[in-house]
Amino acid sequence: MSGTLLLNSAEWHQQLALLVDKIGSDDFVLQLSAAICSITQYNHIAVYTLSTKEVPTVLFHNLPEQWAKPTFPSYCEGAYLLDPIAQFCFNDAPSGAYHLKDLAPDHFKQSEYFKRYYKNIGLRDESVLLLKLKPDYYIAHSIGHRFSSLGRMNKREQQRLHYATPTLLAICRQHWSSVLNNEKVDDSSAKNIAAAFHQFGAEVLTSREQEIVREVLKGHSNKSIAENLYISFETVKVHRKHINNKLGTSSHAQLFSSFISYLTNSLDQA
């Protein structure tokens, strides 16, 4: 049954043996998904690259079309810039297994990214196996489910995934190192998107105000922004008032819409 195998069981070791046998083959990720499904309630997997030097590349997924369509194009066209998992990688994250709730900013569910993108892709619970294949280059194995009745992984599942992660990532390293060894990087799109993200509001905002805008867009509260930027809570409030006045916005939704319009226009002109 899905999610019930113990790590000291013969069945689990059989899952690992099958996974090793699939290294380098097209069926590798399907077997990886089957192995993870045998110790957790997760039933979907999406594998993609994350790097500051290139836009994400989707390497594999087993999502039905109804979920794949709203998930991948928008993510690769710029939504990834606000993704907590991507942001974690861009800050030199170590390889490992992480639950989204442990990476997300404190106001993530109040962010427009969550409301306009994340809710639309149907995920009810998500974790990620991050493999740092080389400096500034990650393979993200996003695992999750889309059933509201299941809720989050329970503690036993979290523990099983935690204990299994070193072995799973070692096997994944062997697979992706061989499969992606000769891949060439085209960083032009990533540079354009990253530049647009960092230049948003540059004509009217100070560099500090731009920093705060980026933190707001990612889903940080005023308190979290103050802690991240080592300034006072009141200073953040003053900056946000100035930002709204300068950009002609009065809400997070309007700020997000203004950013998306700027990003779209910047990429069209690139």
Protein backbone atom coordinates (compact mmCIF):
# COMPACT_ATOMS: atom_id res chain seq x y z
CA MET A 1 0.00 0.00 0.00
CA SER A 2 1.20 3.53 -0.79
CA GLY A 3 3.22 5.17 1.97
CA THR A 4 3.47 2.16 4.29
CA LEU A 5 6.84 0.51 3.61
CA LEU A 6 9.36 0.50 6.44
CA LEU A 7 12.98 1.25 5.63
CA ASN A 8 14.15 -2.04 7.16
CA SER A 9 11.76 -4.09 5.03
CA ALA A 10 12.76 -6.36 2.17
CA GLU A 11 10.23 -4.55 -0.04
CA TRP A 12 11.96 -1.20 0.48
CA HIS A 13 15.37 -2.62 -0.38
CA GLN A 14 13.81 -4.11 -3.50
CA GLN A 15 12.59 -0.62 -4.43
CA LEU A 16 16.17 0.69 -4.07
CA ALA A 17 17.55 -2.18 -6.15
CA LEU A 18 15.07 -1.43 -8.93
CA LEU A 19 16.03 2.25 -8.77
CA VAL A 20 19.74 1.49 -9.11
CA ASP A 21 18.97 -0.71 -12.11
CA LYS A 22 17.22 2.26 -13.78
CA ILE A 23 20.18 4.68 -13.52
CA GLY A 24 20.69 6.29 -16.91
CA SER A 25 17.39 5.04 -18.34
CA ASP A 26 14.21 6.90 -19.31
CA ASP A 27 12.33 5.04 -16.58
CA PHE A 28 14.53 6.28 -13.73
CA VAL A 29 12.23 9.02 -12.44
CA LEU A 30 9.18 6.78 -12.64
CA GLN A 31 10.95 4.29 -10.39
CA LEU A 32 12.11 7.11 -8.10
CA SER A 33 8.50 8.25 -7.81
CA ALA A 34 7.39 4.68 -7.05
CA ALA A 35 10.03 4.38 -4.32
CA ILE A 36 9.00 7.67 -2.70
CA CYS A 37 5.32 6.74 -2.99
CA SER A 38 6.02 3.51 -1.13
CA ILE A 39 7.14 5.41 2.00
CA THR A 40 4.98 8.58 1.76
CA GLN A 41 1.51 9.59 0.61
CA TYR A 42 2.95 11.59 -2.30
CA ASN A 43 1.89 10.46 -5.78
CA HIS A 44 3.17 13.17 -8.17
CA ILE A 45 6.70 14.13 -9.08
CA ALA A 46 8.18 16.91 -11.19
CA VAL A 47 11.92 17.18 -11.80
CA TYR A 48 13.48 20.42 -12.99
CA THR A 49 16.75 22.33 -12.91
CA LEU A 50 17.36 25.44 -10.81
CA SER A 51 20.23 27.84 -11.36
CA THR A 52 20.77 31.59 -11.36
CA LYS A 53 22.40 31.18 -14.78
CA GLU A 54 19.47 29.64 -16.69
CA VAL A 55 15.70 29.40 -16.61
CA PRO A 56 14.35 26.15 -15.15
CA THR A 57 14.23 23.16 -17.47
CA VAL A 58 11.56 20.54 -16.76
CA LEU A 59 13.28 17.15 -17.01
CA PHE A 60 10.33 14.93 -16.13
CA HIS A 61 6.85 14.98 -14.61
CA ASN A 62 3.96 12.56 -14.19
CA LEU A 63 1.24 15.18 -13.74
CA PRO A 64 -2.04 14.87 -15.64
CA GLU A 65 -2.47 17.50 -18.37
CA GLN A 66 -5.01 19.43 -16.30
CA TRP A 67 -2.27 20.19 -13.75
CA ALA A 68 0.75 20.28 -16.04
CA LYS A 69 -0.68 23.05 -18.21
CA PRO A 70 -1.01 25.69 -15.46
CA THR A 71 2.17 24.55 -13.69
CA PHE A 72 5.17 24.58 -15.98
CA PRO A 73 4.92 27.37 -18.61
CA SER A 74 4.22 30.11 -16.04
CA TYR A 75 6.87 28.76 -13.68
CA CYS A 76 9.62 28.74 -16.31
CA GLU A 77 8.59 32.13 -17.70
CA GLY A 78 9.25 33.93 -14.42
CA ALA A 79 7.11 32.62 -11.55
CA TYR A 80 10.13 30.65 -10.32
CA LEU A 81 11.69 33.92 -9.16
CA LEU A 82 9.13 34.04 -6.33
CA ASP A 83 9.23 30.31 -5.53
CA PRO A 84 10.54 29.59 -2.00
CA ILE A 85 12.33 26.47 -3.27
CA ALA A 86 14.13 28.40 -6.02
CA GLN A 87 15.02 31.21 -3.63
CA PHE A 88 16.46 28.65 -1.21
CA CYS A 89 18.66 27.25 -3.98
CA PHE A 90 19.77 30.70 -5.09
CA ASN A 91 21.11 31.19 -1.56
CA ASP A 92 23.43 28.15 -1.88
CA ALA A 93 21.22 25.55 -0.22
CA PRO A 94 22.69 22.17 0.75
CA SER A 95 21.33 18.99 -0.81
CA GLY A 96 18.55 17.38 1.19
CA ALA A 97 14.82 16.86 1.67
CA TYR A 98 12.73 19.90 2.58
CA HIS A 99 9.07 20.54 3.22
CA LEU A 100 7.66 23.66 1.58
CA LYS A 101 6.34 24.99 4.89
CA ASP A 102 9.91 25.10 6.23
CA LEU A 103 11.14 27.17 3.28
CA ALA A 104 8.22 29.51 2.66
CA PRO A 105 8.17 33.11 4.00
CA ASP A 106 5.84 33.86 6.89
CA HIS A 107 3.18 35.49 4.68
CA PHE A 108 3.52 33.04 1.80
CA LYS A 109 -0.17 32.15 1.72
CA GLN A 110 -1.07 35.85 1.71
CA SER A 111 1.22 36.55 -1.25
CA GLU A 112 -0.14 37.10 -4.74
CA TYR A 113 2.28 34.41 -5.98
CA PHE A 114 0.44 31.91 -3.80
CA LYS A 115 -3.02 33.20 -4.70
CA ARG A 116 -2.49 33.56 -8.45
CA TYR A 117 -0.04 30.76 -9.18
CA TYR A 118 0.45 28.20 -6.42
CA LYS A 119 -3.25 27.66 -5.68
CA ASN A 120 -3.92 27.17 -9.39
CA ILE A 121 -1.50 24.26 -9.74
CA GLY A 122 -3.49 22.16 -7.28
CA LEU A 123 -0.79 21.11 -4.82
CA ARG A 124 -2.10 20.35 -1.34
CA ASP A 125 1.24 19.29 0.10
CA GLU A 126 4.77 19.49 -1.28
CA SER A 127 8.28 18.51 -0.37
CA VAL A 128 11.41 18.62 -2.48
CA LEU A 129 14.52 16.49 -2.78
CA LEU A 130 17.23 18.97 -3.71
CA LEU A 131 20.37 17.65 -5.35
CA LYS A 132 23.19 20.16 -5.70
CA LEU A 133 24.80 18.63 -8.75
CA LYS A 134 27.47 21.34 -8.99
CA PRO A 135 27.88 24.93 -7.77
CA ASP A 136 24.78 27.00 -8.61
CA TYR A 137 23.09 24.05 -10.33
CA TYR A 138 20.37 21.99 -8.66
CA ILE A 139 18.09 19.17 -9.65
CA ALA A 140 14.82 19.71 -7.79
CA HIS A 141 12.63 16.64 -7.35
CA SER A 142 9.30 18.16 -6.33
CA ILE A 143 7.05 15.55 -4.74
CA GLY A 144 3.49 16.09 -3.61
CA HIS A 145 -0.19 15.29 -3.84
CA ARG A 146 -3.34 17.08 -4.91
CA PHE A 147 -5.90 15.54 -2.54
CA SER A 148 -7.31 17.84 0.14
CA SER A 149 -8.35 14.80 2.22
CA LEU A 150 -4.75 13.69 2.78
CA GLY A 151 -3.36 16.86 4.36
CA ARG A 152 0.35 17.09 5.10
CA MET A 153 2.78 14.22 5.55
CA ASN A 154 2.59 12.81 9.04
CA LYS A 155 5.64 12.56 11.28
CA ARG A 156 6.32 8.91 10.43
CA GLU A 157 6.38 9.68 6.71
CA GLN A 158 8.61 12.70 7.27
CA GLN A 159 11.00 10.55 9.28
CA ARG A 160 11.09 7.82 6.63
CA LEU A 161 11.76 10.36 3.87
CA HIS A 162 14.45 12.02 6.00
CA TYR A 163 16.27 8.74 6.62
CA ALA A 164 15.94 7.63 2.99
CA THR A 165 17.14 10.93 1.49
CA PRO A 166 20.95 10.36 1.59
CA THR A 167 20.59 7.07 -0.30
CA LEU A 168 18.05 8.45 -2.77
CA LEU A 169 20.17 11.52 -3.51
CA ALA A 170 23.33 9.43 -3.98
CA ILE A 171 21.48 7.34 -6.56
CA CYS A 172 20.02 10.47 -8.19
CA ARG A 173 23.49 11.99 -8.42
CA GLN A 174 24.71 8.98 -10.38
CA HIS A 175 21.75 9.20 -12.75
CA TRP A 176 21.72 12.94 -13.43
CA SER A 177 25.51 13.20 -13.67
CA SER A 178 25.46 10.70 -16.52
CA VAL A 179 22.31 12.04 -18.23
CA LEU A 180 23.17 15.76 -18.05
CA ASN A 181 26.93 15.52 -18.43
CA ASN A 182 27.01 17.11 -21.88
CA GLU A 183 24.15 19.59 -21.49
CA LYS A 184 24.97 23.13 -22.63
CA VAL A 185 23.73 26.12 -20.67
CA ASP A 186 21.92 28.98 -22.41
CA ASP A 187 21.84 31.74 -19.82
CA SER A 188 20.42 34.57 -21.93
CA SER A 189 16.78 34.08 -20.85
CA ALA A 190 17.71 33.73 -17.19
CA LYS A 191 19.76 36.92 -17.31
CA ASN A 192 16.85 38.81 -18.86
CA ILE A 193 14.33 37.56 -16.30
CA ALA A 194 16.66 38.07 -13.32
CA ALA A 195 17.56 41.56 -14.54
CA ALA A 196 13.87 42.48 -14.87
CA PHE A 197 13.22 41.21 -11.34
CA HIS A 198 16.02 43.32 -9.88
CA GLN A 199 15.32 46.41 -11.98
CA PHE A 200 11.60 46.59 -11.26
CA GLY A 201 10.82 50.10 -10.07
CA ALA A 202 14.38 51.34 -10.61
CA GLU A 203 13.21 54.55 -12.30
CA VAL A 204 11.42 55.81 -9.20
CA LEU A 205 12.48 53.65 -6.24
CA THR A 206 15.65 53.73 -4.17
CA SER A 207 17.77 50.59 -3.99
CA ARG A 208 16.44 49.91 -0.47
CA GLU A 209 12.85 50.30 -1.65
CA GLN A 210 13.56 47.85 -4.49
CA GLU A 211 14.90 45.34 -1.96
CA ILE A 212 11.71 45.67 0.05
CA VAL A 213 9.53 45.24 -3.04
CA ARG A 214 11.31 41.98 -3.85
CA GLU A 215 10.79 40.72 -0.30
CA VAL A 216 7.10 41.66 -0.42
CA LEU A 217 6.63 39.85 -3.73
CA LYS A 218 8.22 36.72 -2.28
CA GLY A 219 5.68 36.69 0.56
CA HIS A 220 7.51 38.23 3.52
CA SER A 221 5.64 40.23 6.16
CA ASN A 222 6.87 43.61 7.40
CA LYS A 223 8.32 41.88 10.46
CA SER A 224 10.18 39.32 8.34
CA ILE A 225 11.47 42.03 5.99
CA ALA A 226 12.78 44.03 8.94
CA GLU A 227 14.64 40.98 10.24
CA ASN A 228 16.04 40.04 6.82
CA LEU A 229 17.27 43.56 6.01
CA TYR A 230 18.33 44.47 9.58
CA ILE A 231 16.08 47.52 9.79
CA SER A 232 13.24 48.40 12.12
CA PHE A 233 9.63 47.41 11.63
CA GLU A 234 8.60 51.08 11.51
CA THR A 235 11.21 51.80 8.83
CA VAL A 236 9.73 49.05 6.67
CA LYS A 237 6.27 50.58 7.05
CA VAL A 238 7.57 53.99 5.98
CA HIS A 239 9.36 52.49 2.98
CA ARG A 240 6.25 50.61 1.91
CA LYS A 241 4.18 53.80 2.09
CA HIS A 242 6.73 55.55 -0.14
CA ILE A 243 6.77 52.57 -2.52
CA ASN A 244 2.99 52.67 -2.95
CA ASN A 245 3.04 56.41 -3.52
CA LYS A 246 5.78 56.18 -6.14
CA LEU A 247 4.33 53.19 -8.00
CA GLY A 248 0.70 54.28 -7.67
CA THR A 249 -0.28 51.07 -5.88
CA SER A 250 -2.31 50.56 -2.74
CA SER A 251 -2.28 46.78 -2.25
CA HIS A 252 -0.16 43.66 -2.64
CA ALA A 253 -2.38 42.63 -5.56
CA GLN A 254 -1.73 45.88 -7.43
CA LEU A 255 2.00 45.65 -6.73
CA PHE A 256 2.08 42.08 -8.08
CA SER A 257 0.13 43.08 -11.20
CA SER A 258 2.51 45.97 -11.79
CA PHE A 259 5.49 43.62 -11.47
CA ILE A 260 4.02 41.05 -13.88
CA SER A 261 3.32 43.78 -16.45
CA TYR A 262 6.87 45.08 -16.10
CA LEU A 263 8.32 41.57 -16.42
CA THR A 264 6.23 40.82 -19.52
CA ASN A 265 7.15 44.11 -21.21
CA SER A 266 10.84 43.67 -20.38
CA LEU A 267 10.98 40.19 -21.90
CA ASP A 268 9.05 41.30 -25.01
CA GLN A 269 11.66 44.00 -25.59
CA ALA A 270 14.66 41.75 -24.94
